[in-house]
Protein backbone atom coordinates (compact mmCIF):
# COMPACT_ATOMS: atom_id res chain seq x y z
CA MET A 1 90.36 114.31 64.52
CA GLY A 2 91.68 113.17 67.90
CA GLY A 3 91.11 109.51 66.97
CA ALA A 4 92.99 109.93 63.70
CA ILE A 5 95.96 111.46 65.51
CA SER A 6 95.93 108.61 68.04
CA LYS A 7 96.20 106.04 65.23
CA ILE A 8 99.30 107.83 63.92
CA VAL A 9 100.94 108.44 67.30
CA PHE A 10 100.37 105.09 69.01
CA GLN A 11 102.11 102.04 67.52
CA PRO A 12 101.41 99.28 70.06
CA PRO A 13 102.74 95.72 69.84
CA ARG A 14 99.76 93.35 69.92
CA TYR A 15 99.26 89.69 70.79
CA PRO A 16 96.20 88.47 68.83
CA GLY A 17 96.48 85.02 70.40
CA GLY A 18 96.13 86.42 73.90
CA PRO A 19 98.61 87.06 76.71
CA PRO A 20 101.77 84.96 76.35
CA GLY A 21 102.10 84.84 80.15
CA GLY A 22 105.28 86.87 80.36
CA PRO A 23 108.89 86.37 79.27
CA PRO A 24 111.06 83.56 80.70
CA GLY A 25 111.85 84.16 84.35
CA ALA A 26 109.16 86.81 84.76
CA PRO A 27 106.66 86.76 87.60
CA ASP A 28 103.04 86.22 86.65
CA LEU A 29 101.31 89.07 84.87
CA ILE A 30 99.17 91.14 87.25
CA ALA A 31 95.76 92.17 85.88
CA LEU A 32 94.64 95.71 86.76
CA LYS A 33 91.43 97.58 85.96
CA THR A 34 91.33 101.19 84.79
CA LYS A 35 88.51 103.49 85.85
CA SER A 36 86.93 102.97 82.41
CA GLY A 37 86.86 99.21 82.98
CA GLU A 38 89.71 98.24 80.64
CA THR A 39 92.10 95.48 81.70
CA ILE A 40 95.82 96.23 81.67
CA HIS A 41 98.72 94.11 82.86
CA ALA A 42 101.77 94.70 85.02
CA ILE A 43 104.92 92.91 86.15
CA HIS A 44 106.24 93.49 89.66
CA ILE A 45 109.99 92.93 90.06
CA LYS A 46 111.00 92.74 93.71
CA SER A 47 114.47 93.24 95.12
CA GLY A 48 113.64 94.08 98.73
CA GLY A 49 114.58 97.73 98.24
CA SER A 50 112.94 100.64 100.03
CA LEU A 51 111.99 102.40 96.78
CA THR A 52 109.77 101.31 93.88
CA LEU A 53 110.25 102.53 90.32
CA LEU A 54 106.98 102.93 88.40
CA TYR A 55 108.13 102.56 84.79
CA SER A 56 106.22 104.00 81.82
CA HIS A 57 107.61 102.62 78.55
CA GLY A 58 108.03 104.27 75.17
CA ASN A 59 106.01 103.87 71.99
CA ALA A 60 106.16 100.68 69.88
CA GLU A 61 107.19 98.63 72.92
CA ASP A 62 105.57 96.95 75.90
CA ILE A 63 106.42 95.51 79.30
CA LEU A 64 107.38 92.11 77.89
CA MET A 65 110.07 93.78 75.78
CA ALA A 66 111.29 95.87 78.72
CA PHE A 67 111.36 93.09 81.33
CA SER A 68 114.85 91.64 80.80
CA PHE A 69 116.60 95.01 80.91
CA PHE A 70 114.72 96.22 83.96
CA LYS A 71 115.30 92.98 85.80
CA SER A 72 119.00 93.87 85.60
CA VAL A 73 118.20 97.45 86.64
CA SER A 74 116.36 96.17 89.71
CA ALA A 75 119.29 93.96 90.70
CA ALA A 76 121.95 96.62 90.06
CA LEU A 77 120.14 99.41 91.90
CA LYS A 78 118.48 97.24 94.56
CA VAL A 79 115.12 98.80 93.81
CA ASP A 80 111.67 97.30 93.23
CA LEU A 81 110.02 97.90 89.86
CA LEU A 82 106.48 97.92 88.53
CA LEU A 83 106.28 97.70 84.74
CA TYR A 84 102.73 98.41 83.63
CA GLU A 85 101.00 98.28 80.26
CA TYR A 86 98.92 100.95 78.55
CA VAL A 87 95.34 100.45 77.41
CA GLY A 88 95.50 99.01 73.88
CA TYR A 89 99.13 97.89 74.22
CA GLY A 90 100.48 94.35 74.47
CA CYS A 91 97.93 92.06 76.09
CA SER A 92 95.74 94.86 77.43
CA SER A 93 92.19 95.52 76.28
CA GLY A 94 90.85 98.61 74.53
CA SER A 95 92.29 101.00 71.97
CA PRO A 96 95.30 103.21 72.68
CA SER A 97 94.65 106.87 73.47
CA GLU A 98 96.07 109.66 75.59
CA ALA A 99 93.24 109.27 78.11
CA GLY A 100 93.81 105.52 78.21
CA VAL A 101 97.51 106.00 78.94
CA TYR A 102 96.68 108.36 81.82
CA GLU A 103 94.13 105.92 83.24
CA SER A 104 96.73 103.15 83.00
CA VAL A 105 99.34 104.97 85.11
CA GLU A 106 96.64 105.90 87.62
CA ALA A 107 95.62 102.23 87.90
CA ALA A 108 99.25 101.20 88.44
CA PHE A 109 99.72 103.88 91.10
CA HIS A 110 96.49 102.79 92.82
CA TYR A 111 97.76 99.20 92.87
CA LEU A 112 101.01 100.24 94.55
CA THR A 113 99.56 102.67 97.08
CA LYS A 114 96.18 101.09 97.91
CA GLU A 115 96.62 97.35 97.40
CA LEU A 116 100.29 97.08 98.38
CA GLN A 117 100.17 100.04 100.81
CA ILE A 118 103.40 101.54 99.48
CA PRO A 119 103.78 105.19 100.58
CA PRO A 120 103.77 107.65 97.62
CA SER A 121 107.06 109.07 98.93
CA SER A 122 108.66 105.65 98.27
CA ILE A 123 107.59 105.65 94.61
CA VAL A 124 109.77 107.12 91.84
CA ALA A 125 108.04 107.59 88.48
CA TYR A 126 110.26 106.76 85.50
CA GLY A 127 109.12 107.73 82.00
CA ARG A 128 110.96 107.06 78.77
CA SER A 129 110.03 108.88 75.53
CA LEU A 130 106.23 108.70 75.17
CA GLY A 131 106.20 107.31 78.73
CA SER A 132 107.20 110.77 79.96
CA GLY A 133 103.56 111.77 79.33
CA PRO A 134 101.92 109.51 81.93
CA SER A 135 104.85 110.00 84.34
CA VAL A 136 104.57 113.80 84.32
CA HIS A 137 100.77 113.50 84.49
CA LEU A 138 101.00 111.36 87.63
CA CYS A 139 103.62 113.52 89.35
CA ALA A 140 101.59 116.67 88.69
CA ARG A 141 98.70 115.05 90.62
CA GLU A 142 100.46 113.02 93.32
CA ARG A 143 103.33 113.76 95.72
CA VAL A 144 105.71 110.94 94.83
CA GLY A 145 109.35 110.59 95.84
CA GLY A 146 110.87 111.58 92.52
CA LEU A 147 110.62 111.63 88.72
CA ILE A 148 113.09 110.32 86.13
CA LEU A 149 112.60 111.59 82.57
CA GLN A 150 114.57 109.77 79.87
CA SER A 151 114.41 111.06 76.30
CA ALA A 152 111.27 112.96 77.32
CA LEU A 153 109.13 115.08 75.02
CA LEU A 154 107.64 118.54 75.52
CA SER A 155 104.53 117.41 73.62
CA VAL A 156 103.78 115.19 70.64
CA HIS A 157 103.43 117.99 68.08
CA ARG A 158 106.65 119.59 69.26
CA VAL A 159 108.55 116.43 68.30
CA ALA A 160 107.98 117.36 64.65
CA LEU A 161 107.60 121.13 64.96
CA ARG A 162 109.59 123.51 67.17
CA LEU A 163 106.64 125.59 68.38
CA ARG A 164 106.26 128.31 71.00
CA PHE A 165 102.60 127.42 71.56
CA SER A 166 100.41 124.31 71.73
CA LEU A 167 98.37 123.30 68.70
CA PRO A 168 94.80 121.96 68.91
CA PHE A 169 94.66 118.20 69.49
CA ASP A 170 98.25 118.14 70.76
CA LEU A 171 98.99 115.17 73.03
CA PHE A 172 101.03 114.71 76.22
CA LYS A 173 101.63 118.41 76.86
CA ASN A 174 104.39 117.92 79.41
CA ILE A 175 105.52 121.48 78.76
CA ASN A 176 102.42 122.72 80.60
CA LYS A 177 102.27 120.10 83.36
CA ILE A 178 105.92 120.00 84.45
CA LYS A 179 105.52 123.24 86.44
CA LYS A 180 103.09 121.38 88.73
CA VAL A 181 105.64 118.67 89.59
CA PHE A 182 107.13 119.41 93.02
CA CYS A 183 109.28 116.32 93.55
CA PRO A 184 112.95 116.08 92.49
CA VAL A 185 113.24 115.63 88.70
CA PHE A 186 116.19 113.94 86.98
CA CYS A 187 116.42 114.49 83.21
CA ILE A 188 118.45 112.16 80.95
CA HIS A 189 118.77 112.74 77.19
CA GLY A 190 121.09 111.89 74.31
CA THR A 191 122.70 114.80 72.48
CA ASN A 192 122.13 113.07 69.12
CA ASP A 193 118.54 111.95 69.76
CA GLU A 194 117.06 111.60 66.27
CA VAL A 195 113.46 111.05 67.46
CA VAL A 196 113.01 113.54 70.32
CA PRO A 197 115.66 116.28 69.96
CA ILE A 198 117.60 117.12 73.10
CA TYR A 199 116.07 120.59 73.39
CA HIS A 200 112.94 118.83 74.71
CA GLY A 201 114.91 117.52 77.68
CA ILE A 202 116.69 120.84 78.22
CA GLU A 203 113.42 122.78 78.22
CA LEU A 204 111.75 120.37 80.65
CA TYR A 205 114.79 120.64 82.92
CA LYS A 206 114.53 124.44 82.88
CA ARG A 207 110.78 124.44 83.56
CA ALA A 208 110.65 121.88 86.38
CA PRO A 209 110.45 123.57 89.82
CA LEU A 210 112.84 121.13 91.54
CA THR A 211 115.58 119.44 89.55
CA VAL A 212 118.95 117.78 90.07
CA SER A 213 121.87 118.07 87.66
CA PRO A 214 120.78 116.53 84.33
CA MET A 215 122.62 113.86 82.36
CA TRP A 216 123.17 114.81 78.71
CA VAL A 217 124.78 111.75 77.12
CA GLU A 218 127.22 112.89 74.43
CA GLY A 219 126.66 111.12 71.10
CA ALA A 220 123.68 109.05 72.28
CA GLY A 221 120.56 108.65 70.17
CA HIS A 222 117.01 107.78 71.17
CA ASN A 223 117.34 104.01 71.45
CA ASN A 224 120.98 103.50 72.41
CA LEU A 225 121.36 105.89 75.34
CA GLU A 226 121.98 103.18 77.93
CA ILE A 227 124.61 101.53 75.71
CA VAL A 228 126.49 104.76 74.99
CA ALA A 229 126.36 105.89 78.63
CA GLY A 230 127.47 102.48 79.92
CA ASP A 231 128.10 102.21 83.65
CA LEU A 232 127.61 105.97 84.05
CA PHE A 233 123.91 105.42 83.34
CA PHE A 234 123.48 103.15 86.36
CA LEU A 235 125.72 105.34 88.50
CA ALA A 236 123.59 108.41 87.75
CA LEU A 237 120.36 106.56 88.54
CA SER A 238 121.87 105.25 91.77
CA ARG A 239 122.86 108.75 92.89
CA PHE A 240 119.39 110.10 92.21
CA LEU A 241 117.72 107.25 94.09
CA ARG A 242 120.02 107.86 97.07
CA LEU A 243 118.86 111.48 97.05
CA VAL A 244 115.22 110.35 97.09
CA GLN A 245 115.98 107.94 99.95
CA GLN A 246 117.57 110.74 101.98
CA GLN A 247 114.52 112.89 101.34
CA GLN A 248 112.29 109.99 102.37
CA GLN A 249 114.21 109.57 105.64
CA GLN A 250 113.96 113.30 106.39
CA LEU A 251 110.21 113.20 105.77
CA LEU A 252 109.85 110.22 108.11
CA LEU A 253 111.87 112.01 110.80
CA GLN A 254 109.68 115.12 110.47
CA GLN A 255 106.55 113.00 110.84
CA GLN A 256 107.96 111.32 113.95
CA LEU A 257 108.87 114.68 115.51
CA GLN A 258 105.39 116.03 114.78
CA GLN A 259 103.81 112.98 116.40
CA GLN A 260 106.02 113.35 119.49
CA GLN A 261 105.17 117.04 119.76
CA GLN A 262 101.46 116.29 119.45
CA GLN A 263 101.70 113.60 122.16
CA GLN A 264 103.54 115.99 124.50
CA GLU A 265 100.90 118.68 123.99
CA GLU A 266 98.14 116.18 124.73
CA GLN A 267 99.89 115.05 127.92
CA GLN A 268 100.28 118.64 129.11
CA GLN A 269 96.58 119.39 128.71
CA PRO A 270 94.52 118.73 131.89
CA PRO A 271 91.69 116.17 131.65
CA ALA A 272 88.31 117.58 130.67
CA ALA A 273 86.80 116.61 134.06
CA VAL A 274 89.44 118.63 135.92
CA VAL A 275 88.81 121.65 133.72
CA ALA A 276 85.06 121.38 134.30
CA ALA A 277 85.53 121.12 138.08
CA ALA A 278 87.81 124.14 138.11
CA GLU A 279 85.30 126.20 136.17
CA GLY A 280 82.49 125.21 138.56
CA ALA A 281 84.45 126.12 141.71
């Protein structure tokens, strides 16, 4: 049953001839391994910024399709970006599944934090549509700097049915996981979204423990939100990223103060030999 649902839900672009090597102007594709041994690919766009967006794309698209737009996002916002692929999507191996998507975001996060040594507080997860699933999943497990949810869904079944409860075999149950996300959450949704109705975004906004003012784009659908919003889209993202940067700086200051306090306490403590001599006197 679960496999049949996956075939309906996931509509991945495929490249039967093998990886095309990336779109014009793109850096080389980075090969990553999931914990199940599947190979996925990623593109790292660098701008020299202090924050890194970890982007999870929507259904029926892949990182090669998203590259050109997010290259402009990186330049406009002065932020680094990691676009990663899901198992079974694009050039990646395996068959698409909910578990495979979760393993893919975990592999991308591992690459950033372990191989590149980027602090989790400097990473902002960004999920669009189906990509909200892996983004919420990651943020419920890891303390990242922030979470951006664009055209996000409560769960897959709730896209078609307005339910008060979860059905068996439902996928990407963000409605249950969002309460475990304790980083700032920024929700963006079009009021005329014909694929994922706006009440999904509103409900996630209400359920998230820590949110900033949402952006409901009047008249925008599912696939034209950035066009309808225009410059306001980039302005809103920029404001949210500045908030995350301020939070990051406060966290760094707290860590420095704690280290200084610990050093002062250690300096005030008498050496062990002096203590032993005093006790023996």
